[in-house]
Amino acid sequence: MAEKLIQLRIDDEIRDKADAVFKRQGLSTQGAIKMFLTQVANTGHSPFDNLFSDPNK
């Protein structure tokens, strides 16, 4: 399986806080992001579904 590199910039404080949360769960931030993307790919759904759409439409 071929892999692609994803890079992003994030504020240091946000990264540090997220790292601490994931560490308590036994995860790295990289591992958590991989899990998130895998779950979205496997289910076809995102936690952001309907977040920006009008629920009355």
PDB file of N, CA and C in Angstrom:
ATOM      1  N   MET A   1       0.855  -1.180   0.000  1.00  0.00           N
ATOM      2  CA  MET A   1       0.000   0.000   0.000  1.00  0.00           C
ATOM      3  C   MET A   1       0.899   1.241   0.000  1.00  0.00           C
ATOM      4  N   ALA A   2       0.661   2.112  -0.931  1.00  0.00           N
ATOM      5  CA  ALA A   2       1.407   3.366  -1.002  1.00  0.00           C
ATOM      6  C   ALA A   2       0.900   4.316   0.077  1.00  0.00           C
ATOM      7  N   GLU A   3       1.781   5.128   0.577  1.00  0.00           N
ATOM      8  CA  GLU A   3       1.409   6.112   1.596  1.00  0.00           C
ATOM      9  C   GLU A   3       1.672   7.513   1.081  1.00  0.00           C
ATOM     10  N   LYS A   4       0.912   8.454   1.596  1.00  0.00           N
ATOM     11  CA  LYS A   4       1.086   9.869   1.272  1.00  0.00           C
ATOM     12  C   LYS A   4       1.404  10.625   2.550  1.00  0.00           C
ATOM     13  N   LEU A   5       2.224  11.627   2.430  1.00  0.00           N
ATOM     14  CA  LEU A   5       2.588  12.471   3.554  1.00  0.00           C
ATOM     15  C   LEU A   5       1.608  13.625   3.646  1.00  0.00           C
ATOM     16  N   ILE A   6       1.080  13.847   4.848  1.00  0.00           N
ATOM     17  CA  ILE A   6       0.212  14.999   5.112  1.00  0.00           C
ATOM     18  C   ILE A   6       0.930  15.873   6.131  1.00  0.00           C
ATOM     19  N   GLN A   7       1.082  17.137   5.808  1.00  0.00           N
ATOM     20  CA  GLN A   7       1.709  18.078   6.729  1.00  0.00           C
ATOM     21  C   GLN A   7       0.711  19.180   7.047  1.00  0.00           C
ATOM     22  N   LEU A   8       0.741  19.652   8.283  1.00  0.00           N
ATOM     23  CA  LEU A   8      -0.101  20.782   8.637  1.00  0.00           C
ATOM     24  C   LEU A   8       0.585  21.610   9.691  1.00  0.00           C
ATOM     25  N   ARG A   9       0.180  22.844   9.740  1.00  0.00           N
ATOM     26  CA  ARG A   9       0.706  23.756  10.757  1.00  0.00           C
ATOM     27  C   ARG A   9      -0.393  23.977  11.787  1.00  0.00           C
ATOM     28  N   ILE A  10       0.000  23.931  13.040  1.00  0.00           N
ATOM     29  CA  ILE A  10      -0.951  24.087  14.137  1.00  0.00           C
ATOM     30  C   ILE A  10      -0.262  24.867  15.255  1.00  0.00           C
ATOM     31  N   ASP A  11      -1.010  25.684  15.934  1.00  0.00           N
ATOM     32  CA  ASP A  11      -0.484  26.464  17.045  1.00  0.00           C
ATOM     33  C   ASP A  11       0.148  25.534  18.085  1.00  0.00           C
ATOM     34  N   ASP A  12       1.299  25.930  18.631  1.00  0.00           N
ATOM     35  CA  ASP A  12       2.005  25.105  19.618  1.00  0.00           C
ATOM     36  C   ASP A  12       1.127  24.719  20.805  1.00  0.00           C
ATOM     37  N   GLU A  13       0.364  25.666  21.309  1.00  0.00           N
ATOM     38  CA  GLU A  13      -0.467  25.396  22.489  1.00  0.00           C
ATOM     39  C   GLU A  13      -1.534  24.343  22.190  1.00  0.00           C
ATOM     40  N   ILE A  14      -2.142  24.442  21.028  1.00  0.00           N
ATOM     41  CA  ILE A  14      -3.159  23.459  20.638  1.00  0.00           C
ATOM     42  C   ILE A  14      -2.517  22.086  20.479  1.00  0.00           C
ATOM     43  N   ARG A  15      -1.386  22.027  19.821  1.00  0.00           N
ATOM     44  CA  ARG A  15      -0.688  20.745  19.640  1.00  0.00           C
ATOM     45  C   ARG A  15      -0.323  20.132  20.985  1.00  0.00           C
ATOM     46  N   ASP A  16       0.211  20.933  21.905  1.00  0.00           N
ATOM     47  CA  ASP A  16       0.602  20.419  23.214  1.00  0.00           C
ATOM     48  C   ASP A  16      -0.599  19.874  23.990  1.00  0.00           C
ATOM     49  N   LYS A  17      -1.712  20.598  23.943  1.00  0.00           N
ATOM     50  CA  LYS A  17      -2.918  20.139  24.644  1.00  0.00           C
ATOM     51  C   LYS A  17      -3.459  18.853  24.028  1.00  0.00           C
ATOM     52  N   ALA A  18      -3.484  18.791  22.703  1.00  0.00           N
ATOM     53  CA  ALA A  18      -3.956  17.576  22.028  1.00  0.00           C
ATOM     54  C   ALA A  18      -3.019  16.405  22.317  1.00  0.00           C
ATOM     55  N   ASP A  19      -1.713  16.646  22.283  1.00  0.00           N
ATOM     56  CA  ASP A  19      -0.739  15.593  22.604  1.00  0.00           C
ATOM     57  C   ASP A  19      -1.011  15.006  23.988  1.00  0.00           C
ATOM     58  N   ALA A  20      -1.293  15.876  24.949  1.00  0.00           N
ATOM     59  CA  ALA A  20      -1.542  15.415  26.321  1.00  0.00           C
ATOM     60  C   ALA A  20      -2.794  14.536  26.397  1.00  0.00           C
ATOM     61  N   VAL A  21      -3.844  14.929  25.689  1.00  0.00           N
ATOM     62  CA  VAL A  21      -5.081  14.134  25.680  1.00  0.00           C
ATOM     63  C   VAL A  21      -4.810  12.768  25.064  1.00  0.00           C
ATOM     64  N   PHE A  22      -4.168  12.749  23.910  1.00  0.00           N
ATOM     65  CA  PHE A  22      -3.903  11.482  23.241  1.00  0.00           C
ATOM     66  C   PHE A  22      -2.953  10.604  24.058  1.00  0.00           C
ATOM     67  N   LYS A  23      -1.980  11.208  24.717  1.00  0.00           N
ATOM     68  CA  LYS A  23      -1.038  10.442  25.539  1.00  0.00           C
ATOM     69  C   LYS A  23      -1.775   9.721  26.664  1.00  0.00           C
ATOM     70  N   ARG A  24      -2.747  10.386  27.286  1.00  0.00           N
ATOM     71  CA  ARG A  24      -3.539   9.744  28.348  1.00  0.00           C
ATOM     72  C   ARG A  24      -4.300   8.536  27.816  1.00  0.00           C
ATOM     73  N   GLN A  25      -4.578   8.544  26.533  1.00  0.00           N
ATOM     74  CA  GLN A  25      -5.311   7.449  25.895  1.00  0.00           C
ATOM     75  C   GLN A  25      -4.358   6.411  25.287  1.00  0.00           C
ATOM     76  N   GLY A  26      -3.065   6.614  25.480  1.00  0.00           N
ATOM     77  CA  GLY A  26      -2.080   5.683  24.939  1.00  0.00           C
ATOM     78  C   GLY A  26      -1.822   5.862  23.456  1.00  0.00           C
ATOM     79  N   LEU A  27      -2.118   7.045  22.940  1.00  0.00           N
ATOM     80  CA  LEU A  27      -1.960   7.329  21.518  1.00  0.00           C
ATOM     81  C   LEU A  27      -0.966   8.460  21.296  1.00  0.00           C
ATOM     82  N   SER A  28      -0.402   8.476  20.110  1.00  0.00           N
ATOM     83  CA  SER A  28       0.336   9.651  19.666  1.00  0.00           C
ATOM     84  C   SER A  28      -0.628  10.500  18.847  1.00  0.00           C
ATOM     85  N   THR A  29      -0.283  11.746  18.653  1.00  0.00           N
ATOM     86  CA  THR A  29      -1.127  12.592  17.808  1.00  0.00           C
ATOM     87  C   THR A  29      -1.158  12.037  16.392  1.00  0.00           C
ATOM     88  N   GLN A  30      -0.030  11.596  15.881  1.00  0.00           N
ATOM     89  CA  GLN A  30       0.017  11.008  14.545  1.00  0.00           C
ATOM     90  C   GLN A  30      -0.896   9.787  14.468  1.00  0.00           C
ATOM     91  N   GLY A  31      -0.846   8.923  15.472  1.00  0.00           N
ATOM     92  CA  GLY A  31      -1.704   7.739  15.488  1.00  0.00           C
ATOM     93  C   GLY A  31      -3.176   8.096  15.546  1.00  0.00           C
ATOM     94  N   ALA A  32      -3.511   9.114  16.339  1.00  0.00           N
ATOM     95  CA  ALA A  32      -4.911   9.545  16.452  1.00  0.00           C
ATOM     96  C   ALA A  32      -5.415  10.101  15.121  1.00  0.00           C
ATOM     97  N   ILE A  33      -4.596  10.860  14.433  1.00  0.00           N
ATOM     98  CA  ILE A  33      -4.997  11.406  13.132  1.00  0.00           C
ATOM     99  C   ILE A  33      -5.174  10.274  12.119  1.00  0.00           C
ATOM    100  N   LYS A  34      -4.276   9.294  12.131  1.00  0.00           N
ATOM    101  CA  LYS A  34      -4.422   8.143  11.237  1.00  0.00           C
ATOM    102  C   LYS A  34      -5.733   7.398  11.526  1.00  0.00           C
ATOM    103  N   MET A  35      -6.046   7.218  12.811  1.00  0.00           N
ATOM    104  CA  MET A  35      -7.285   6.534  13.179  1.00  0.00           C
ATOM    105  C   MET A  35      -8.499   7.323  12.703  1.00  0.00           C
ATOM    106  N   PHE A  36      -8.466   8.639  12.875  1.00  0.00           N
ATOM    107  CA  PHE A  36      -9.558   9.496  12.438  1.00  0.00           C
ATOM    108  C   PHE A  36      -9.784   9.363  10.931  1.00  0.00           C
ATOM    109  N   LEU A  37      -8.726   9.500  10.155  1.00  0.00           N
ATOM    110  CA  LEU A  37      -8.850   9.428   8.699  1.00  0.00           C
ATOM    111  C   LEU A  37      -9.289   8.036   8.242  1.00  0.00           C
ATOM    112  N   THR A  38      -8.790   6.999   8.906  1.00  0.00           N
ATOM    113  CA  THR A  38      -9.199   5.634   8.565  1.00  0.00           C
ATOM    114  C   THR A  38     -10.681   5.422   8.839  1.00  0.00           C
ATOM    115  N   GLN A  39     -11.155   5.915   9.972  1.00  0.00           N
ATOM    116  CA  GLN A  39     -12.574   5.778  10.317  1.00  0.00           C
ATOM    117  C   GLN A  39     -13.451   6.511   9.304  1.00  0.00           C
ATOM    118  N   VAL A  40     -13.072   7.708   8.927  1.00  0.00           N
ATOM    119  CA  VAL A  40     -13.839   8.463   7.926  1.00  0.00           C
ATOM    120  C   VAL A  40     -13.848   7.706   6.596  1.00  0.00           C
ATOM    121  N   ALA A  41     -12.687   7.202   6.184  1.00  0.00           N
ATOM    122  CA  ALA A  41     -12.601   6.467   4.918  1.00  0.00           C
ATOM    123  C   ALA A  41     -13.438   5.195   4.953  1.00  0.00           C
ATOM    124  N   ASN A  42     -13.420   4.488   6.070  1.00  0.00           N
ATOM    125  CA  ASN A  42     -14.139   3.218   6.169  1.00  0.00           C
ATOM    126  C   ASN A  42     -15.648   3.380   6.289  1.00  0.00           C
ATOM    127  N   THR A  43     -16.100   4.443   6.935  1.00  0.00           N
ATOM    128  CA  THR A  43     -17.542   4.621   7.155  1.00  0.00           C
ATOM    129  C   THR A  43     -18.185   5.547   6.134  1.00  0.00           C
ATOM    130  N   GLY A  44     -17.385   6.399   5.514  1.00  0.00           N
ATOM    131  CA  GLY A  44     -17.949   7.385   4.602  1.00  0.00           C
ATOM    132  C   GLY A  44     -18.620   8.532   5.327  1.00  0.00           C
ATOM    133  N   HIS A  45     -18.398   8.614   6.637  1.00  0.00           N
ATOM    134  CA  HIS A  45     -18.999   9.680   7.446  1.00  0.00           C
ATOM    135  C   HIS A  45     -17.909  10.410   8.220  1.00  0.00           C
ATOM    136  N   SER A  46     -18.174  11.674   8.472  1.00  0.00           N
ATOM    137  CA  SER A  46     -17.255  12.523   9.208  1.00  0.00           C
ATOM    138  C   SER A  46     -17.983  13.100  10.420  1.00  0.00           C
ATOM    139  N   PRO A  47     -17.267  13.365  11.507  1.00  0.00           N
ATOM    140  CA  PRO A  47     -17.921  14.033  12.634  1.00  0.00           C
ATOM    141  C   PRO A  47     -18.376  15.445  12.272  1.00  0.00           C
ATOM    142  N   PHE A  48     -17.954  15.922  11.105  1.00  0.00           N
ATOM    143  CA  PHE A  48     -18.329  17.251  10.650  1.00  0.00           C
ATOM    144  C   PHE A  48     -19.540  17.239   9.732  1.00  0.00           C
ATOM    145  N   ASP A  49     -20.084  16.036   9.464  1.00  0.00           N
ATOM    146  CA  ASP A  49     -21.287  15.943   8.636  1.00  0.00           C
ATOM    147  C   ASP A  49     -22.376  16.833   9.223  1.00  0.00           C
ATOM    148  N   ASN A  50     -23.000  17.603   8.391  1.00  0.00           N
ATOM    149  CA  ASN A  50     -24.119  18.488   8.762  1.00  0.00           C
ATOM    150  C   ASN A  50     -23.703  19.637   9.678  1.00  0.00           C
ATOM    151  N   LEU A  51     -22.452  19.780   9.962  1.00  0.00           N
ATOM    152  CA  LEU A  51     -22.001  20.853  10.848  1.00  0.00           C
ATOM    153  C   LEU A  51     -22.215  22.214  10.221  1.00  0.00           C
ATOM    154  N   PHE A  52     -22.017  22.301   8.914  1.00  0.00           N
ATOM    155  CA  PHE A  52     -22.112  23.588   8.241  1.00  0.00           C
ATOM    156  C   PHE A  52     -23.340  23.708   7.340  1.00  0.00           C
ATOM    157  N   SER A  53     -24.245  22.751   7.451  1.00  0.00           N
ATOM    158  CA  SER A  53     -25.447  22.813   6.618  1.00  0.00           C
ATOM    159  C   SER A  53     -26.657  23.161   7.470  1.00  0.00           C
ATOM    160  N   ASP A  54     -27.673  23.657   6.823  1.00  0.00           N
ATOM    161  CA  ASP A  54     -28.914  24.020   7.498  1.00  0.00           C
ATOM    162  C   ASP A  54     -29.725  22.748   7.754  1.00  0.00           C
ATOM    163  N   PRO A  55     -29.990  22.380   9.006  1.00  0.00           N
ATOM    164  CA  PRO A  55     -30.727  21.164   9.297  1.00  0.00           C
ATOM    165  C   PRO A  55     -32.178  21.202   8.822  1.00  0.00           C
ATOM    166  N   ASN A  56     -32.693  22.383   8.476  1.00  0.00           N
ATOM    167  CA  ASN A  56     -34.070  22.514   8.023  1.00  0.00           C
ATOM    168  C   ASN A  56     -34.227  22.291   6.520  1.00  0.00           C
ATOM    169  N   LYS A  57     -33.124  22.041   5.815  1.00  0.00           N
ATOM    170  CA  LYS A  57     -33.197  21.830   4.363  1.00  0.00           C
ATOM    171  C   LYS A  57     -33.321  20.373   4.057  1.00  0.00           C
TER     172      LYS A  57
END
